[in-house]
């Protein structure tokens, strides 16, 4: 569990929001039995080439309970 003092080093409100986003991804991956490192690497490697801005339903393919994600990130 991250304590309150860890957020003192975020540097700015935007830094704290970014930290919270990454922390959320890590905890969601762990809650779904995934390797957080593999999950985040996959998202960062694959998402920039996807058309999720035009087709928001593509984001469903990156959710931690998607069968393909479970297969490659465990």
PDB file of N, CA and C in Angstrom:
ATOM      1  N   UNK A   1       0.836  -1.179   0.000  1.00  0.00           N
ATOM      2  CA  UNK A   1       0.000   0.000   0.000  1.00  0.00           C
ATOM      3  C   UNK A   1       0.879   1.240   0.000  1.00  0.00           C
ATOM      4  N   UNK A   2       0.507   2.194  -0.793  1.00  0.00           N
ATOM      5  CA  UNK A   2       1.276   3.430  -0.866  1.00  0.00           C
ATOM      6  C   UNK A   2       0.791   4.372   0.225  1.00  0.00           C
ATOM      7  N   UNK A   3       1.730   4.889   0.952  1.00  0.00           N
ATOM      8  CA  UNK A   3       1.383   5.812   2.028  1.00  0.00           C
ATOM      9  C   UNK A   3       1.263   7.242   1.537  1.00  0.00           C
ATOM     10  N   UNK A   4       0.729   8.055   2.384  1.00  0.00           N
ATOM     11  CA  UNK A   4       0.487   9.459   2.044  1.00  0.00           C
ATOM     12  C   UNK A   4       1.780  10.187   1.699  1.00  0.00           C
ATOM     13  N   UNK A   5       2.873   9.867   2.361  1.00  0.00           N
ATOM     14  CA  UNK A   5       4.124  10.587   2.132  1.00  0.00           C
ATOM     15  C   UNK A   5       4.696  10.346   0.740  1.00  0.00           C
ATOM     16  N   UNK A   6       4.387   9.220   0.128  1.00  0.00           N
ATOM     17  CA  UNK A   6       4.903   8.943  -1.217  1.00  0.00           C
ATOM     18  C   UNK A   6       4.401   9.959  -2.234  1.00  0.00           C
ATOM     19  N   UNK A   7       3.231  10.533  -2.009  1.00  0.00           N
ATOM     20  CA  UNK A   7       2.660  11.485  -2.961  1.00  0.00           C
ATOM     21  C   UNK A   7       3.311  12.862  -2.839  1.00  0.00           C
ATOM     22  N   UNK A   8       4.114  13.083  -1.795  1.00  0.00           N
ATOM     23  CA  UNK A   8       4.776  14.379  -1.625  1.00  0.00           C
ATOM     24  C   UNK A   8       5.813  14.629  -2.716  1.00  0.00           C
ATOM     25  N   UNK A   9       6.286  13.569  -3.361  1.00  0.00           N
ATOM     26  CA  UNK A   9       7.359  13.701  -4.332  1.00  0.00           C
ATOM     27  C   UNK A   9       6.857  13.703  -5.771  1.00  0.00           C
ATOM     28  N   UNK A  10       5.580  13.933  -5.955  1.00  0.00           N
ATOM     29  CA  UNK A  10       5.029  13.971  -7.308  1.00  0.00           C
ATOM     30  C   UNK A  10       5.450  15.228  -8.051  1.00  0.00           C
ATOM     31  N   UNK A  11       5.725  16.287  -7.340  1.00  0.00           N
ATOM     32  CA  UNK A  11       6.237  17.499  -7.972  1.00  0.00           C
ATOM     33  C   UNK A  11       5.175  18.490  -8.384  1.00  0.00           C
ATOM     34  N   UNK A  12       4.037  18.021  -8.797  1.00  0.00           N
ATOM     35  CA  UNK A  12       2.954  18.896  -9.249  1.00  0.00           C
ATOM     36  C   UNK A  12       1.651  18.109  -9.236  1.00  0.00           C
ATOM     37  N   UNK A  13       0.539  18.809  -9.338  1.00  0.00           N
ATOM     38  CA  UNK A  13      -0.735  18.083  -9.422  1.00  0.00           C
ATOM     39  C   UNK A  13      -0.810  17.146 -10.630  1.00  0.00           C
ATOM     40  N   UNK A  14      -0.257  17.570 -11.755  1.00  0.00           N
ATOM     41  CA  UNK A  14      -0.264  16.694 -12.938  1.00  0.00           C
ATOM     42  C   UNK A  14       0.617  15.464 -12.717  1.00  0.00           C
ATOM     43  N   UNK A  15       1.723  15.646 -12.012  1.00  0.00           N
ATOM     44  CA  UNK A  15       2.582  14.513 -11.679  1.00  0.00           C
ATOM     45  C   UNK A  15       1.868  13.530 -10.769  1.00  0.00           C
ATOM     46  N   UNK A  16       1.098  14.062  -9.829  1.00  0.00           N
ATOM     47  CA  UNK A  16       0.335  13.200  -8.932  1.00  0.00           C
ATOM     48  C   UNK A  16      -0.741  12.444  -9.704  1.00  0.00           C
ATOM     49  N   UNK A  17      -1.387  13.101 -10.662  1.00  0.00           N
ATOM     50  CA  UNK A  17      -2.397  12.420 -11.485  1.00  0.00           C
ATOM     51  C   UNK A  17      -1.768  11.312 -12.313  1.00  0.00           C
ATOM     52  N   UNK A  18      -0.590  11.565 -12.876  1.00  0.00           N
ATOM     53  CA  UNK A  18       0.102  10.540 -13.661  1.00  0.00           C
ATOM     54  C   UNK A  18       0.486   9.355 -12.776  1.00  0.00           C
ATOM     55  N   UNK A  19       0.992   9.643 -11.588  1.00  0.00           N
ATOM     56  CA  UNK A  19       1.348   8.571 -10.652  1.00  0.00           C
ATOM     57  C   UNK A  19       0.127   7.750 -10.270  1.00  0.00           C
ATOM     58  N   UNK A  20      -0.981   8.428 -10.024  1.00  0.00           N
ATOM     59  CA  UNK A  20      -2.215   7.729  -9.659  1.00  0.00           C
ATOM     60  C   UNK A  20      -2.696   6.848 -10.805  1.00  0.00           C
ATOM     61  N   UNK A  21      -2.554   7.315 -12.040  1.00  0.00           N
ATOM     62  CA  UNK A  21      -2.958   6.517 -13.200  1.00  0.00           C
ATOM     63  C   UNK A  21      -2.142   5.245 -13.331  1.00  0.00           C
ATOM     64  N   UNK A  22      -0.834   5.368 -13.179  1.00  0.00           N
ATOM     65  CA  UNK A  22       0.038   4.188 -13.263  1.00  0.00           C
ATOM     66  C   UNK A  22      -0.254   3.245 -12.107  1.00  0.00           C
ATOM     67  N   UNK A  23      -0.429   3.790 -10.908  1.00  0.00           N
ATOM     68  CA  UNK A  23      -0.738   2.964  -9.753  1.00  0.00           C
ATOM     69  C   UNK A  23      -2.044   2.205  -9.967  1.00  0.00           C
ATOM     70  N   UNK A  24      -3.023   2.857 -10.574  1.00  0.00           N
ATOM     71  CA  UNK A  24      -4.302   2.203 -10.872  1.00  0.00           C
ATOM     72  C   UNK A  24      -4.114   1.053 -11.857  1.00  0.00           C
ATOM     73  N   UNK A  25      -3.306   1.261 -12.896  1.00  0.00           N
ATOM     74  CA  UNK A  25      -3.037   0.189 -13.859  1.00  0.00           C
ATOM     75  C   UNK A  25      -2.355  -0.995 -13.180  1.00  0.00           C
ATOM     76  N   UNK A  26      -1.388  -0.715 -12.325  1.00  0.00           N
ATOM     77  CA  UNK A  26      -0.657  -1.785 -11.631  1.00  0.00           C
ATOM     78  C   UNK A  26      -1.601  -2.585 -10.743  1.00  0.00           C
ATOM     79  N   UNK A  27      -2.402  -1.905  -9.955  1.00  0.00           N
ATOM     80  CA  UNK A  27      -3.292  -2.606  -9.035  1.00  0.00           C
ATOM     81  C   UNK A  27      -4.401  -3.357  -9.770  1.00  0.00           C
ATOM     82  N   UNK A  28      -4.889  -2.811 -10.869  1.00  0.00           N
ATOM     83  CA  UNK A  28      -5.913  -3.498 -11.656  1.00  0.00           C
ATOM     84  C   UNK A  28      -5.334  -4.758 -12.288  1.00  0.00           C
ATOM     85  N   UNK A  29      -4.099  -4.660 -12.780  1.00  0.00           N
ATOM     86  CA  UNK A  29      -3.445  -5.839 -13.349  1.00  0.00           C
ATOM     87  C   UNK A  29      -3.281  -6.923 -12.278  1.00  0.00           C
ATOM     88  N   UNK A  30      -2.812  -6.537 -11.101  1.00  0.00           N
ATOM     89  CA  UNK A  30      -2.626  -7.515 -10.033  1.00  0.00           C
ATOM     90  C   UNK A  30      -3.957  -8.136  -9.610  1.00  0.00           C
ATOM     91  N   UNK A  31      -5.007  -7.334  -9.545  1.00  0.00           N
ATOM     92  CA  UNK A  31      -6.325  -7.843  -9.133  1.00  0.00           C
ATOM     93  C   UNK A  31      -6.882  -8.844 -10.139  1.00  0.00           C
ATOM     94  N   UNK A  32      -6.418  -8.771 -11.390  1.00  0.00           N
ATOM     95  CA  UNK A  32      -6.883  -9.686 -12.428  1.00  0.00           C
ATOM     96  C   UNK A  32      -5.883 -10.789 -12.740  1.00  0.00           C
ATOM     97  N   UNK A  33      -4.883 -10.950 -11.880  1.00  0.00           N
ATOM     98  CA  UNK A  33      -3.924 -12.038 -12.030  1.00  0.00           C
ATOM     99  C   UNK A  33      -2.910 -11.843 -13.139  1.00  0.00           C
ATOM    100  N   UNK A  34      -2.667 -10.610 -13.539  1.00  0.00           N
ATOM    101  CA  UNK A  34      -1.706 -10.325 -14.601  1.00  0.00           C
ATOM    102  C   UNK A  34      -0.383  -9.854 -14.015  1.00  0.00           C
ATOM    103  N   UNK A  35       0.648  -9.950 -14.820  1.00  0.00           N
ATOM    104  CA  UNK A  35       1.927  -9.348 -14.466  1.00  0.00           C
ATOM    105  C   UNK A  35       1.818  -7.857 -14.790  1.00  0.00           C
ATOM    106  N   UNK A  36       1.900  -6.974 -13.790  1.00  0.00           N
ATOM    107  CA  UNK A  36       1.772  -5.541 -14.076  1.00  0.00           C
ATOM    108  C   UNK A  36       2.789  -5.047 -15.101  1.00  0.00           C
ATOM    109  N   UNK A  37       4.007  -5.556 -15.015  1.00  0.00           N
ATOM    110  CA  UNK A  37       5.040  -5.114 -15.953  1.00  0.00           C
ATOM    111  C   UNK A  37       4.677  -5.492 -17.392  1.00  0.00           C
ATOM    112  N   UNK A  38       4.253  -6.730 -17.601  1.00  0.00           N
ATOM    113  CA  UNK A  38       3.873  -7.163 -18.945  1.00  0.00           C
ATOM    114  C   UNK A  38       2.658  -6.388 -19.450  1.00  0.00           C
ATOM    115  N   UNK A  39       1.697  -6.160 -18.565  1.00  0.00           N
ATOM    116  CA  UNK A  39       0.479  -5.454 -18.944  1.00  0.00           C
ATOM    117  C   UNK A  39       0.783  -4.026 -19.383  1.00  0.00           C
ATOM    118  N   UNK A  40       1.560  -3.301 -18.596  1.00  0.00           N
ATOM    119  CA  UNK A  40       1.877  -1.913 -18.944  1.00  0.00           C
ATOM    120  C   UNK A  40       2.743  -1.855 -20.198  1.00  0.00           C
ATOM    121  N   UNK A  41       3.705  -2.775 -20.319  1.00  0.00           N
ATOM    122  CA  UNK A  41       4.529  -2.796 -21.537  1.00  0.00           C
ATOM    123  C   UNK A  41       3.677  -3.034 -22.778  1.00  0.00           C
ATOM    124  N   UNK A  42       2.725  -3.955 -22.673  1.00  0.00           N
ATOM    125  CA  UNK A  42       1.852  -4.229 -23.819  1.00  0.00           C
ATOM    126  C   UNK A  42       1.027  -2.997 -24.184  1.00  0.00           C
ATOM    127  N   UNK A  43       0.440  -2.372 -23.193  1.00  0.00           N
ATOM    128  CA  UNK A  43      -0.379  -1.184 -23.454  1.00  0.00           C
ATOM    129  C   UNK A  43       0.450  -0.086 -24.109  1.00  0.00           C
ATOM    130  N   UNK A  44       1.622   0.192 -23.547  1.00  0.00           N
ATOM    131  CA  UNK A  44       2.459   1.267 -24.082  1.00  0.00           C
ATOM    132  C   UNK A  44       3.016   0.944 -25.462  1.00  0.00           C
ATOM    133  N   UNK A  45       3.223  -0.324 -25.755  1.00  0.00           N
ATOM    134  CA  UNK A  45       3.762  -0.707 -27.063  1.00  0.00           C
ATOM    135  C   UNK A  45       2.673  -0.763 -28.131  1.00  0.00           C
ATOM    136  N   UNK A  46       1.473  -1.180 -27.760  1.00  0.00           N
ATOM    137  CA  UNK A  46       0.439  -1.455 -28.755  1.00  0.00           C
ATOM    138  C   UNK A  46      -0.548  -0.302 -28.964  1.00  0.00           C
ATOM    139  N   UNK A  47      -0.886   0.416 -27.930  1.00  0.00           N
ATOM    140  CA  UNK A  47      -1.921   1.448 -28.041  1.00  0.00           C
ATOM    141  C   UNK A  47      -1.599   2.581 -29.011  1.00  0.00           C
ATOM    142  N   UNK A  48      -0.361   3.060 -29.076  1.00  0.00           N
ATOM    143  CA  UNK A  48      -0.107   4.174 -29.994  1.00  0.00           C
ATOM    144  C   UNK A  48      -0.442   3.863 -31.456  1.00  0.00           C
ATOM    145  N   UNK A  49      -0.412   2.604 -31.854  1.00  0.00           N
ATOM    146  CA  UNK A  49      -0.725   2.246 -33.233  1.00  0.00           C
ATOM    147  C   UNK A  49      -2.187   1.922 -33.471  1.00  0.00           C
ATOM    148  N   UNK A  50      -2.989   1.940 -32.417  1.00  0.00           N
ATOM    149  CA  UNK A  50      -4.398   1.578 -32.586  1.00  0.00           C
ATOM    150  C   UNK A  50      -5.235   2.814 -32.897  1.00  0.00           C
ATOM    151  N   UNK A  51      -6.422   2.574 -33.380  1.00  0.00           N
ATOM    152  CA  UNK A  51      -7.323   3.668 -33.774  1.00  0.00           C
ATOM    153  C   UNK A  51      -8.392   3.898 -32.722  1.00  0.00           C
ATOM    154  N   UNK A  52      -8.003   3.858 -31.437  1.00  0.00           N
ATOM    155  CA  UNK A  52      -9.004   3.960 -30.378  1.00  0.00           C
ATOM    156  C   UNK A  52      -9.623   5.352 -30.280  1.00  0.00           C
ATOM    157  N   UNK A  53      -8.970   6.366 -30.824  1.00  0.00           N
ATOM    158  CA  UNK A  53      -9.582   7.696 -30.797  1.00  0.00           C
ATOM    159  C   UNK A  53     -10.784   7.753 -31.736  1.00  0.00           C
ATOM    160  N   UNK A  54     -10.680   7.094 -32.876  1.00  0.00           N
ATOM    161  CA  UNK A  54     -11.802   7.050 -33.814  1.00  0.00           C
ATOM    162  C   UNK A  54     -12.833   5.995 -33.421  1.00  0.00           C
ATOM    163  N   UNK A  55     -12.358   4.916 -32.826  1.00  0.00           N
ATOM    164  CA  UNK A  55     -13.222   3.788 -32.445  1.00  0.00           C
ATOM    165  C   UNK A  55     -12.993   3.461 -30.972  1.00  0.00           C
ATOM    166  N   UNK A  56     -13.679   4.159 -30.072  1.00  0.00           N
ATOM    167  CA  UNK A  56     -13.458   3.941 -28.630  1.00  0.00           C
ATOM    168  C   UNK A  56     -13.686   2.505 -28.177  1.00  0.00           C
ATOM    169  N   UNK A  57     -14.478   1.750 -28.920  1.00  0.00           N
ATOM    170  CA  UNK A  57     -14.716   0.352 -28.534  1.00  0.00           C
ATOM    171  C   UNK A  57     -13.436  -0.482 -28.625  1.00  0.00           C
ATOM    172  N   UNK A  58     -12.419   0.005 -29.322  1.00  0.00           N
ATOM    173  CA  UNK A  58     -11.139  -0.697 -29.378  1.00  0.00           C
ATOM    174  C   UNK A  58     -10.473  -0.772 -28.002  1.00  0.00           C
ATOM    175  N   UNK A  59     -10.822   0.146 -27.114  1.00  0.00           N
ATOM    176  CA  UNK A  59     -10.240   0.120 -25.768  1.00  0.00           C
ATOM    177  C   UNK A  59     -10.603  -1.152 -25.019  1.00  0.00           C
ATOM    178  N   UNK A  60     -11.717  -1.781 -25.384  1.00  0.00           N
ATOM    179  CA  UNK A  60     -12.107  -3.041 -24.745  1.00  0.00           C
ATOM    180  C   UNK A  60     -11.032  -4.106 -24.926  1.00  0.00           C
ATOM    181  N   UNK A  61     -10.277  -4.017 -26.010  1.00  0.00           N
ATOM    182  CA  UNK A  61      -9.214  -4.998 -26.270  1.00  0.00           C
ATOM    183  C   UNK A  61      -8.036  -4.856 -25.304  1.00  0.00           C
ATOM    184  N   UNK A  62      -7.972  -3.760 -24.550  1.00  0.00           N
ATOM    185  CA  UNK A  62      -6.866  -3.518 -23.625  1.00  0.00           C
ATOM    186  C   UNK A  62      -7.253  -3.708 -22.163  1.00  0.00           C
ATOM    187  N   UNK A  63      -8.494  -4.077 -21.912  1.00  0.00           N
ATOM    188  CA  UNK A  63      -8.938  -4.282 -20.540  1.00  0.00           C
ATOM    189  C   UNK A  63      -8.325  -5.566 -19.979  1.00  0.00           C
ATOM    190  N   UNK A  64      -7.999  -5.578 -18.701  1.00  0.00           N
ATOM    191  CA  UNK A  64      -7.269  -6.720 -18.145  1.00  0.00           C
ATOM    192  C   UNK A  64      -8.032  -8.034 -18.137  1.00  0.00           C
ATOM    193  N   UNK A  65      -9.332  -8.019 -18.348  1.00  0.00           N
ATOM    194  CA  UNK A  65     -10.104  -9.264 -18.367  1.00  0.00           C
ATOM    195  C   UNK A  65     -10.328  -9.774 -19.783  1.00  0.00           C
ATOM    196  N   UNK A  66      -9.772  -9.095 -20.785  1.00  0.00           N
ATOM    197  CA  UNK A  66      -9.846  -9.586 -22.168  1.00  0.00           C
ATOM    198  C   UNK A  66      -9.043 -10.889 -22.268  1.00  0.00           C
ATOM    199  N   UNK A  67      -9.583 -11.920 -22.926  1.00  0.00           N
ATOM    200  CA  UNK A  67      -8.869 -13.214 -22.994  1.00  0.00           C
ATOM    201  C   UNK A  67      -7.466 -13.114 -23.596  1.00  0.00           C
ATOM    202  N   UNK A  68      -7.288 -12.291 -24.624  1.00  0.00           N
ATOM    203  CA  UNK A  68      -5.961 -12.144 -25.231  1.00  0.00           C
ATOM    204  C   UNK A  68      -4.985 -11.506 -24.245  1.00  0.00           C
ATOM    205  N   UNK A  69      -5.434 -10.486 -23.530  1.00  0.00           N
ATOM    206  CA  UNK A  69      -4.578  -9.830 -22.540  1.00  0.00           C
ATOM    207  C   UNK A  69      -4.202 -10.818 -21.450  1.00  0.00           C
ATOM    208  N   UNK A  70      -5.167 -11.597 -20.988  1.00  0.00           N
ATOM    209  CA  UNK A  70      -4.881 -12.597 -19.952  1.00  0.00           C
ATOM    210  C   UNK A  70      -3.830 -13.592 -20.438  1.00  0.00           C
ATOM    211  N   UNK A  71      -3.920 -13.949 -21.717  1.00  0.00           N
ATOM    212  CA  UNK A  71      -2.986 -14.934 -22.288  1.00  0.00           C
ATOM    213  C   UNK A  71      -1.561 -14.410 -22.347  1.00  0.00           C
ATOM    214  N   UNK A  72      -1.394 -13.173 -22.789  1.00  0.00           N
ATOM    215  CA  UNK A  72      -0.031 -12.670 -23.008  1.00  0.00           C
ATOM    216  C   UNK A  72       0.590 -11.977 -21.781  1.00  0.00           C
ATOM    217  N   UNK A  73      -0.241 -11.665 -20.790  1.00  0.00           N
ATOM    218  CA  UNK A  73       0.280 -10.892 -19.651  1.00  0.00           C
ATOM    219  C   UNK A  73       0.298 -11.659 -18.327  1.00  0.00           C
ATOM    220  N   UNK A  74       0.160 -12.976 -18.375  1.00  0.00           N
ATOM    221  CA  UNK A  74       0.211 -13.727 -17.118  1.00  0.00           C
ATOM    222  C   UNK A  74       1.586 -14.303 -16.898  1.00  0.00           C
TER     223      UNK A  74
END
